[in-house]
Amino acid sequence: MTSIQSVIDTILSRIPDPLVIDTVDTIKAGDPSQHITGIVTTFLASQAVLEKAVRLGVNLIITHEPTFYNHLDETDWLSDDPIFQEKREYIERHNLVIWRFHDNLHRHQPDPTIVGISKALGWDDYIEEQQVIFKIPVVSLSELAQMIKNRLGIERLRMVGDPEMVCQRVGILVGAWGGRNHMNFWRKSGVDVLIVGEIDEWETNEYTRDAVIQGRNRGLIITGHANSEEPGMEWLVDWLRPIFPDVPIHHVPVGDPFIYV
């Protein structure tokens, strides 16, 4: 009998030492001593993802981001919240285990979130440096944005810059790196376009807008956090299957949370 805890331990044993010790990569709910029936990988364990996991008959959900609406999954402040209560009760009723795989997942080499988005975009042959800088065939910024929409299956994304600007060297920083890291990366790498997951709207976008007004060839494409890292959690399925050949493993995308009106 294979326990959920042994599966988690095996996964972590494949991550280069040293592991991140002060980490959010902990079990957020459920009993890991139970026998594993299957695995779902996802960017975020939303209510819809939980329900799909139950329909699939699996009891381990590996999520990249928080389950309970804050980075540390602290729940004291939610103790009397009906939405939290219903979600927690659903997890308990169906004997689900939620394990977050974030800090140590990013320590895997290469980083699955970068491998995933590179594969999804079809850019593996264009890698120039460290799997975050790509030299792609020349396109305009608007054409590049449309390509990303189509290949990542995104309904809408946002961009800053001249739609007709020429793009060739592209940098990708998935997730939420923060404006200062975006800008430092841009200055050091000299890429034409930066693709990011999410931003604070007084930082990277305003830096880009000022650069454009100053006559610099700069473009910014914002995919959304989930859209940028979901391909990495999908890639994780292919990584896990040879390790656990007898365990059913599925990817369930959480999807973009926003409705555009």
C-alpha atoms as a PDB file:
ATOM      1  CA  MET A   1       0.000   0.000   0.000  1.00  0.00           C
ATOM      2  CA  THR A   2       1.406   3.377  -1.045  1.00  0.00           C
ATOM      3  CA  SER A   3       0.572   6.270   1.256  1.00  0.00           C
ATOM      4  CA  ILE A   4       0.131   9.846   0.152  1.00  0.00           C
ATOM      5  CA  GLN A   5       2.962  10.858   2.477  1.00  0.00           C
ATOM      6  CA  SER A   6       5.338   8.420   0.787  1.00  0.00           C
ATOM      7  CA  VAL A   7       4.403   9.894  -2.589  1.00  0.00           C
ATOM      8  CA  ILE A   8       5.180  13.399  -1.332  1.00  0.00           C
ATOM      9  CA  ASP A   9       8.465  12.207   0.180  1.00  0.00           C
ATOM     10  CA  THR A  10       9.447  10.565  -3.106  1.00  0.00           C
ATOM     11  CA  ILE A  11       8.688  13.731  -5.062  1.00  0.00           C
ATOM     12  CA  LEU A  12      10.818  15.826  -2.703  1.00  0.00           C
ATOM     13  CA  SER A  13      13.641  13.279  -2.959  1.00  0.00           C
ATOM     14  CA  ARG A  14      13.878  14.178  -6.666  1.00  0.00           C
ATOM     15  CA  ILE A  15      14.481  17.862  -5.909  1.00  0.00           C
ATOM     16  CA  PRO A  16      18.132  18.993  -5.687  1.00  0.00           C
ATOM     17  CA  ASP A  17      19.466  19.418  -2.154  1.00  0.00           C
ATOM     18  CA  PRO A  18      19.174  21.409  -0.061  1.00  0.00           C
ATOM     19  CA  LEU A  19      15.391  21.548   0.104  1.00  0.00           C
ATOM     20  CA  VAL A  20      13.729  24.785   1.148  1.00  0.00           C
ATOM     21  CA  ILE A  21      12.992  24.214   4.851  1.00  0.00           C
ATOM     22  CA  ASP A  22      11.125  27.405   5.786  1.00  0.00           C
ATOM     23  CA  THR A  23       8.554  26.749   3.109  1.00  0.00           C
ATOM     24  CA  VAL A  24       4.891  26.922   2.146  1.00  0.00           C
ATOM     25  CA  ASP A  25       5.240  23.408   0.687  1.00  0.00           C
ATOM     26  CA  THR A  26       3.132  21.760   3.370  1.00  0.00           C
ATOM     27  CA  ILE A  27      -0.076  19.771   3.589  1.00  0.00           C
ATOM     28  CA  LYS A  28      -2.962  22.225   3.781  1.00  0.00           C
ATOM     29  CA  ALA A  29      -5.717  19.712   4.522  1.00  0.00           C
ATOM     30  CA  GLY A  30      -6.297  15.981   4.837  1.00  0.00           C
ATOM     31  CA  ASP A  31      -4.639  12.856   6.194  1.00  0.00           C
ATOM     32  CA  PRO A  32      -1.480  11.927   4.244  1.00  0.00           C
ATOM     33  CA  SER A  33      -1.260   8.485   5.851  1.00  0.00           C
ATOM     34  CA  GLN A  34      -4.132   7.200   3.709  1.00  0.00           C
ATOM     35  CA  HIS A  35      -3.593   5.037   0.630  1.00  0.00           C
ATOM     36  CA  ILE A  36      -3.233   7.071  -2.547  1.00  0.00           C
ATOM     37  CA  THR A  37      -5.907   6.593  -5.215  1.00  0.00           C
ATOM     38  CA  GLY A  38      -4.586   9.132  -7.713  1.00  0.00           C
ATOM     39  CA  ILE A  39      -3.084  12.578  -8.200  1.00  0.00           C
ATOM     40  CA  VAL A  40      -4.359  15.819  -9.682  1.00  0.00           C
ATOM     41  CA  THR A  41      -1.913  18.623 -10.468  1.00  0.00           C
ATOM     42  CA  THR A  42      -3.230  22.155 -10.740  1.00  0.00           C
ATOM     43  CA  PHE A  43      -2.181  25.763 -10.451  1.00  0.00           C
ATOM     44  CA  LEU A  44      -4.677  26.315  -7.621  1.00  0.00           C
ATOM     45  CA  ALA A  45      -7.077  24.044  -5.744  1.00  0.00           C
ATOM     46  CA  SER A  46     -10.307  25.917  -6.379  1.00  0.00           C
ATOM     47  CA  GLN A  47     -13.699  24.499  -5.473  1.00  0.00           C
ATOM     48  CA  ALA A  48     -14.175  23.435  -9.099  1.00  0.00           C
ATOM     49  CA  VAL A  49     -10.803  21.638  -9.129  1.00  0.00           C
ATOM     50  CA  LEU A  50     -11.713  19.802  -5.903  1.00  0.00           C
ATOM     51  CA  GLU A  51     -14.984  18.628  -7.410  1.00  0.00           C
ATOM     52  CA  LYS A  52     -13.253  17.439 -10.587  1.00  0.00           C
ATOM     53  CA  ALA A  53     -10.716  15.514  -8.490  1.00  0.00           C
ATOM     54  CA  VAL A  54     -13.552  13.723  -6.699  1.00  0.00           C
ATOM     55  CA  ARG A  55     -15.151  12.799 -10.022  1.00  0.00           C
ATOM     56  CA  LEU A  56     -11.800  11.418 -11.165  1.00  0.00           C
ATOM     57  CA  GLY A  57     -11.531   9.324  -8.016  1.00  0.00           C
ATOM     58  CA  VAL A  58      -8.214  10.771  -6.825  1.00  0.00           C
ATOM     59  CA  ASN A  59      -7.355  11.897  -3.304  1.00  0.00           C
ATOM     60  CA  LEU A  60      -4.090  13.878  -3.639  1.00  0.00           C
ATOM     61  CA  ILE A  61      -4.201  17.357  -5.129  1.00  0.00           C
ATOM     62  CA  ILE A  62      -0.835  18.973  -5.798  1.00  0.00           C
ATOM     63  CA  THR A  63      -1.411  22.707  -6.014  1.00  0.00           C
ATOM     64  CA  HIS A  64       1.122  25.388  -6.848  1.00  0.00           C
ATOM     65  CA  GLU A  65      -0.626  28.262  -5.127  1.00  0.00           C
ATOM     66  CA  PRO A  66      -2.632  28.711  -1.888  1.00  0.00           C
ATOM     67  CA  THR A  67      -5.921  26.967  -1.227  1.00  0.00           C
ATOM     68  CA  PHE A  68      -7.279  29.335   1.413  1.00  0.00           C
ATOM     69  CA  TYR A  69      -6.819  32.785  -0.096  1.00  0.00           C
ATOM     70  CA  ASN A  70      -3.478  33.890   1.397  1.00  0.00           C
ATOM     71  CA  HIS A  71       0.153  32.952   0.848  1.00  0.00           C
ATOM     72  CA  LEU A  72       0.624  31.000   4.086  1.00  0.00           C
ATOM     73  CA  ASP A  73      -2.862  29.412   3.983  1.00  0.00           C
ATOM     74  CA  GLU A  74      -3.581  30.847   7.417  1.00  0.00           C
ATOM     75  CA  THR A  75      -7.189  30.079   8.352  1.00  0.00           C
ATOM     76  CA  ASP A  76      -7.748  31.571  11.826  1.00  0.00           C
ATOM     77  CA  TRP A  77      -9.184  34.699  10.282  1.00  0.00           C
ATOM     78  CA  LEU A  78     -11.598  32.570   8.233  1.00  0.00           C
ATOM     79  CA  SER A  79     -12.934  30.404  11.061  1.00  0.00           C
ATOM     80  CA  ASP A  80     -16.484  31.786  10.826  1.00  0.00           C
ATOM     81  CA  ASP A  81     -16.467  32.371   7.061  1.00  0.00           C
ATOM     82  CA  PRO A  82     -19.113  30.248   5.278  1.00  0.00           C
ATOM     83  CA  ILE A  83     -17.169  29.962   2.008  1.00  0.00           C
ATOM     84  CA  PHE A  84     -14.070  28.684   3.790  1.00  0.00           C
ATOM     85  CA  GLN A  85     -16.169  26.362   5.956  1.00  0.00           C
ATOM     86  CA  GLU A  86     -17.921  24.792   2.994  1.00  0.00           C
ATOM     87  CA  LYS A  87     -14.655  24.282   1.122  1.00  0.00           C
ATOM     88  CA  ARG A  88     -12.936  22.752   4.155  1.00  0.00           C
ATOM     89  CA  GLU A  89     -15.915  20.468   4.838  1.00  0.00           C
ATOM     90  CA  TYR A  90     -15.920  19.329   1.213  1.00  0.00           C
ATOM     91  CA  ILE A  91     -12.239  18.405   1.453  1.00  0.00           C
ATOM     92  CA  GLU A  92     -12.830  16.465   4.679  1.00  0.00           C
ATOM     93  CA  ARG A  93     -15.980  14.722   3.451  1.00  0.00           C
ATOM     94  CA  HIS A  94     -14.193  13.367   0.380  1.00  0.00           C
ATOM     95  CA  ASN A  95     -10.927  12.495   2.168  1.00  0.00           C
ATOM     96  CA  LEU A  96      -8.871  14.781  -0.039  1.00  0.00           C
ATOM     97  CA  VAL A  97      -5.302  15.776   0.739  1.00  0.00           C
ATOM     98  CA  ILE A  98      -4.109  19.170  -0.483  1.00  0.00           C
ATOM     99  CA  TRP A  99      -0.332  19.562  -0.753  1.00  0.00           C
ATOM    100  CA  ARG A 100       1.300  22.727  -1.989  1.00  0.00           C
ATOM    101  CA  PHE A 101       4.351  22.335  -4.231  1.00  0.00           C
ATOM    102  CA  HIS A 102       5.743  25.800  -4.779  1.00  0.00           C
ATOM    103  CA  ASP A 103       9.133  26.697  -3.303  1.00  0.00           C
ATOM    104  CA  ASN A 104      10.772  23.351  -3.967  1.00  0.00           C
ATOM    105  CA  LEU A 105       9.123  22.952  -7.358  1.00  0.00           C
ATOM    106  CA  HIS A 106      10.934  26.104  -8.455  1.00  0.00           C
ATOM    107  CA  ARG A 107      14.208  24.494  -7.273  1.00  0.00           C
ATOM    108  CA  HIS A 108      13.835  21.659  -9.758  1.00  0.00           C
ATOM    109  CA  GLN A 109      16.216  22.101 -12.676  1.00  0.00           C
ATOM    110  CA  PRO A 110      14.960  23.077 -15.107  1.00  0.00           C
ATOM    111  CA  ASP A 111      12.101  24.949 -13.430  1.00  0.00           C
ATOM    112  CA  PRO A 112       8.874  23.188 -14.518  1.00  0.00           C
ATOM    113  CA  THR A 113       6.990  26.473 -14.811  1.00  0.00           C
ATOM    114  CA  ILE A 114       9.483  27.712 -17.399  1.00  0.00           C
ATOM    115  CA  VAL A 115       9.646  24.361 -19.194  1.00  0.00           C
ATOM    116  CA  GLY A 116       5.858  24.273 -19.302  1.00  0.00           C
ATOM    117  CA  ILE A 117       5.298  27.685 -20.829  1.00  0.00           C
ATOM    118  CA  SER A 118       8.200  27.249 -23.271  1.00  0.00           C
ATOM    119  CA  LYS A 119       6.661  23.994 -24.477  1.00  0.00           C
ATOM    120  CA  ALA A 120       3.159  25.476 -24.652  1.00  0.00           C
ATOM    121  CA  LEU A 121       4.432  28.382 -26.759  1.00  0.00           C
ATOM    122  CA  GLY A 122       6.447  26.075 -29.026  1.00  0.00           C
ATOM    123  CA  TRP A 123       9.647  27.986 -28.241  1.00  0.00           C
ATOM    124  CA  ASP A 124      11.994  25.199 -27.136  1.00  0.00           C
ATOM    125  CA  ASP A 125      14.158  25.734 -30.225  1.00  0.00           C
ATOM    126  CA  TYR A 126      14.444  29.462 -29.525  1.00  0.00           C
ATOM    127  CA  ILE A 127      15.993  29.338 -26.047  1.00  0.00           C
ATOM    128  CA  GLU A 128      18.886  31.778 -25.876  1.00  0.00           C
ATOM    129  CA  GLU A 129      19.706  31.893 -22.172  1.00  0.00           C
ATOM    130  CA  GLN A 130      18.641  30.008 -19.014  1.00  0.00           C
ATOM    131  CA  GLN A 131      15.239  29.099 -20.450  1.00  0.00           C
ATOM    132  CA  VAL A 132      13.917  32.592 -19.738  1.00  0.00           C
ATOM    133  CA  ILE A 133      15.253  34.483 -22.775  1.00  0.00           C
ATOM    134  CA  PHE A 134      14.171  33.482 -26.271  1.00  0.00           C
ATOM    135  CA  LYS A 135      15.202  34.685 -29.726  1.00  0.00           C
ATOM    136  CA  ILE A 136      12.083  34.165 -31.813  1.00  0.00           C
ATOM    137  CA  PRO A 137      11.333  34.929 -35.474  1.00  0.00           C
ATOM    138  CA  VAL A 138      10.636  38.631 -35.918  1.00  0.00           C
ATOM    139  CA  VAL A 139       7.019  39.611 -35.223  1.00  0.00           C
ATOM    140  CA  SER A 140       5.176  42.750 -34.199  1.00  0.00           C
ATOM    141  CA  LEU A 141       4.093  43.188 -30.584  1.00  0.00           C
ATOM    142  CA  SER A 142       0.439  42.758 -31.535  1.00  0.00           C
ATOM    143  CA  GLU A 143       1.219  39.579 -33.495  1.00  0.00           C
ATOM    144  CA  LEU A 144       3.195  38.239 -30.552  1.00  0.00           C
ATOM    145  CA  ALA A 145       0.333  38.946 -28.180  1.00  0.00           C
ATOM    146  CA  GLN A 146      -2.117  37.159 -30.456  1.00  0.00           C
ATOM    147  CA  MET A 147       0.245  34.174 -30.732  1.00  0.00           C
ATOM    148  CA  ILE A 148       0.465  33.920 -26.940  1.00  0.00           C
ATOM    149  CA  LYS A 149      -3.320  34.149 -26.615  1.00  0.00           C
ATOM    150  CA  ASN A 150      -3.829  31.356 -29.098  1.00  0.00           C
ATOM    151  CA  ARG A 151      -1.133  29.000 -27.813  1.00  0.00           C
ATOM    152  CA  LEU A 152      -1.958  29.429 -24.126  1.00  0.00           C
ATOM    153  CA  GLY A 153      -5.704  29.462 -24.723  1.00  0.00           C
ATOM    154  CA  ILE A 154      -6.162  32.862 -23.079  1.00  0.00           C
ATOM    155  CA  GLU A 155      -9.342  34.820 -23.763  1.00  0.00           C
ATOM    156  CA  ARG A 156      -7.771  38.199 -23.041  1.00  0.00           C
ATOM    157  CA  LEU A 157      -4.346  39.509 -22.102  1.00  0.00           C
ATOM    158  CA  ARG A 158      -2.938  42.995 -21.622  1.00  0.00           C
ATOM    159  CA  MET A 159       0.020  44.656 -23.259  1.00  0.00           C
ATOM    160  CA  VAL A 160       1.894  47.949 -23.055  1.00  0.00           C
ATOM    161  CA  GLY A 161       3.829  49.346 -26.018  1.00  0.00           C
ATOM    162  CA  ASP A 162       3.523  50.185 -29.695  1.00  0.00           C
ATOM    163  CA  PRO A 163       1.497  47.374 -31.317  1.00  0.00           C
ATOM    164  CA  GLU A 164       3.714  47.646 -34.429  1.00  0.00           C
ATOM    165  CA  MET A 165       7.071  47.513 -32.639  1.00  0.00           C
ATOM    166  CA  VAL A 166       9.482  44.842 -33.858  1.00  0.00           C
ATOM    167  CA  CYS A 167      10.010  41.988 -31.399  1.00  0.00           C
ATOM    168  CA  GLN A 168      12.690  39.313 -31.468  1.00  0.00           C
ATOM    169  CA  ARG A 169      14.339  38.877 -28.064  1.00  0.00           C
ATOM    170  CA  VAL A 170      11.713  37.973 -25.495  1.00  0.00           C
ATOM    171  CA  GLY A 171      12.019  37.368 -21.754  1.00  0.00           C
ATOM    172  CA  ILE A 172       9.551  35.367 -19.676  1.00  0.00           C
ATOM    173  CA  LEU A 173       9.081  35.802 -15.934  1.00  0.00           C
ATOM    174  CA  VAL A 174       6.089  33.679 -14.952  1.00  0.00           C
ATOM    175  CA  GLY A 175       4.051  34.206 -11.810  1.00  0.00           C
ATOM    176  CA  ALA A 176       4.515  37.233  -9.554  1.00  0.00           C
ATOM    177  CA  TRP A 177       8.135  38.380  -9.517  1.00  0.00           C
ATOM    178  CA  GLY A 178       7.348  41.962  -8.522  1.00  0.00           C
ATOM    179  CA  GLY A 179       8.089  45.180 -10.337  1.00  0.00           C
ATOM    180  CA  ARG A 180      11.640  45.714  -9.118  1.00  0.00           C
ATOM    181  CA  ASN A 181      12.680  42.242 -10.295  1.00  0.00           C
ATOM    182  CA  HIS A 182      10.941  42.802 -13.638  1.00  0.00           C
ATOM    183  CA  MET A 183      12.783  46.068 -14.184  1.00  0.00           C
ATOM    184  CA  ASN A 184      16.171  44.768 -13.060  1.00  0.00           C
ATOM    185  CA  PHE A 185      15.809  41.761 -15.358  1.00  0.00           C
ATOM    186  CA  TRP A 186      14.868  44.004 -18.262  1.00  0.00           C
ATOM    187  CA  ARG A 187      17.812  46.338 -17.710  1.00  0.00           C
ATOM    188  CA  LYS A 188      20.319  43.468 -17.495  1.00  0.00           C
ATOM    189  CA  SER A 189      18.914  41.308 -20.298  1.00  0.00           C
ATOM    190  CA  GLY A 190      18.067  44.007 -22.829  1.00  0.00           C
ATOM    191  CA  VAL A 191      15.108  42.031 -24.215  1.00  0.00           C
ATOM    192  CA  ASP A 192      12.613  43.772 -26.474  1.00  0.00           C
ATOM    193  CA  VAL A 193       9.553  42.280 -24.812  1.00  0.00           C
ATOM    194  CA  LEU A 194       8.896  41.022 -21.312  1.00  0.00           C
ATOM    195  CA  ILE A 195       6.126  38.466 -20.733  1.00  0.00           C
ATOM    196  CA  VAL A 196       4.981  38.310 -17.119  1.00  0.00           C
ATOM    197  CA  GLY A 197       2.286  36.645 -15.077  1.00  0.00           C
ATOM    198  CA  GLU A 198       0.983  39.468 -12.916  1.00  0.00           C
ATOM    199  CA  ILE A 199       1.944  42.993 -11.898  1.00  0.00           C
ATOM    200  CA  ASP A 200       1.188  45.730  -9.416  1.00  0.00           C
ATOM    201  CA  GLU A 201      -0.265  48.382 -11.683  1.00  0.00           C
ATOM    202  CA  TRP A 202       1.996  51.227 -10.598  1.00  0.00           C
ATOM    203  CA  GLU A 203       5.239  49.398 -11.340  1.00  0.00           C
ATOM    204  CA  THR A 204       6.257  47.443 -14.472  1.00  0.00           C
ATOM    205  CA  ASN A 205       3.518  48.818 -16.708  1.00  0.00           C
ATOM    206  CA  GLU A 206       4.439  52.415 -15.857  1.00  0.00           C
ATOM    207  CA  TYR A 207       8.136  51.709 -16.384  1.00  0.00           C
ATOM    208  CA  THR A 208       7.251  50.318 -19.811  1.00  0.00           C
ATOM    209  CA  ARG A 209       4.998  53.247 -20.654  1.00  0.00           C
ATOM    210  CA  ASP A 210       7.733  55.748 -19.771  1.00  0.00           C
ATOM    211  CA  ALA A 211      10.247  53.776 -21.860  1.00  0.00           C
ATOM    212  CA  VAL A 212       7.945  53.893 -24.880  1.00  0.00           C
ATOM    213  CA  ILE A 213       7.368  57.648 -24.510  1.00  0.00           C
ATOM    214  CA  GLN A 214      11.149  58.096 -24.362  1.00  0.00           C
ATOM    215  CA  GLY A 215      11.401  56.348 -27.735  1.00  0.00           C
ATOM    216  CA  ARG A 216      12.735  53.012 -26.484  1.00  0.00           C
ATOM    217  CA  ASN A 217      11.785  49.712 -28.106  1.00  0.00           C
ATOM    218  CA  ARG A 218       9.968  48.095 -25.202  1.00  0.00           C
ATOM    219  CA  GLY A 219       6.859  45.939 -24.950  1.00  0.00           C
ATOM    220  CA  LEU A 220       5.143  44.292 -21.982  1.00  0.00           C
ATOM    221  CA  ILE A 221       2.669  41.408 -22.164  1.00  0.00           C
ATOM    222  CA  ILE A 222       0.731  40.408 -19.044  1.00  0.00           C
ATOM    223  CA  THR A 223      -0.845  36.968 -19.240  1.00  0.00           C
ATOM    224  CA  GLY A 224      -2.239  36.644 -15.723  1.00  0.00           C
ATOM    225  CA  HIS A 225      -0.628  34.600 -12.968  1.00  0.00           C
ATOM    226  CA  ALA A 226      -2.598  31.389 -13.500  1.00  0.00           C
ATOM    227  CA  ASN A 227      -2.191  31.503 -17.281  1.00  0.00           C
ATOM    228  CA  SER A 228       1.585  31.821 -16.958  1.00  0.00           C
ATOM    229  CA  GLU A 229       2.178  28.919 -14.545  1.00  0.00           C
ATOM    230  CA  GLU A 230      -0.571  26.437 -15.387  1.00  0.00           C
ATOM    231  CA  PRO A 231       1.470  24.918 -18.259  1.00  0.00           C
ATOM    232  CA  GLY A 232       4.185  24.057 -15.740  1.00  0.00           C
ATOM    233  CA  MET A 233       1.749  22.167 -13.542  1.00  0.00           C
ATOM    234  CA  GLU A 234       0.540  20.327 -16.635  1.00  0.00           C
ATOM    235  CA  TRP A 235       4.152  19.435 -17.515  1.00  0.00           C
ATOM    236  CA  LEU A 236       4.477  18.015 -14.006  1.00  0.00           C
ATOM    237  CA  VAL A 237       2.147  15.154 -14.975  1.00  0.00           C
ATOM    238  CA  ASP A 238       4.676  13.853 -17.513  1.00  0.00           C
ATOM    239  CA  TRP A 239       7.418  14.130 -14.897  1.00  0.00           C
ATOM    240  CA  LEU A 240       5.408  12.230 -12.264  1.00  0.00           C
ATOM    241  CA  ARG A 241       4.078   9.341 -14.364  1.00  0.00           C
ATOM    242  CA  PRO A 242       7.388   7.438 -14.717  1.00  0.00           C
ATOM    243  CA  ILE A 243       7.977   7.845 -10.978  1.00  0.00           C
ATOM    244  CA  PHE A 244       4.513   6.488 -10.055  1.00  0.00           C
ATOM    245  CA  PRO A 245       3.547   4.250 -12.994  1.00  0.00           C
ATOM    246  CA  ASP A 246       0.685   2.581 -11.091  1.00  0.00           C
ATOM    247  CA  VAL A 247      -0.944   5.789  -9.875  1.00  0.00           C
ATOM    248  CA  PRO A 248      -3.538   7.605 -12.049  1.00  0.00           C
ATOM    249  CA  ILE A 249      -2.278  11.165 -12.585  1.00  0.00           C
ATOM    250  CA  HIS A 250      -4.248  13.997 -14.192  1.00  0.00           C
ATOM    251  CA  HIS A 251      -3.894  17.718 -14.732  1.00  0.00           C
ATOM    252  CA  VAL A 252      -6.954  19.844 -13.964  1.00  0.00           C
ATOM    253  CA  PRO A 253      -6.516  23.496 -14.992  1.00  0.00           C
ATOM    254  CA  VAL A 254      -8.057  26.067 -12.695  1.00  0.00           C
ATOM    255  CA  GLY A 255      -8.577  28.510 -15.578  1.00  0.00           C
ATOM    256  CA  ASP A 256      -8.548  32.295 -15.651  1.00  0.00           C
ATOM    257  CA  PRO A 257     -10.758  33.588 -12.791  1.00  0.00           C
ATOM    258  CA  PHE A 258     -11.827  36.745 -14.584  1.00  0.00           C
ATOM    259  CA  ILE A 259     -14.847  37.479 -16.760  1.00  0.00           C
ATOM    260  CA  TYR A 260     -14.229  40.273 -19.256  1.00  0.00           C
ATOM    261  CA  VAL A 261     -17.103  42.699 -19.901  1.00  0.00           C
END
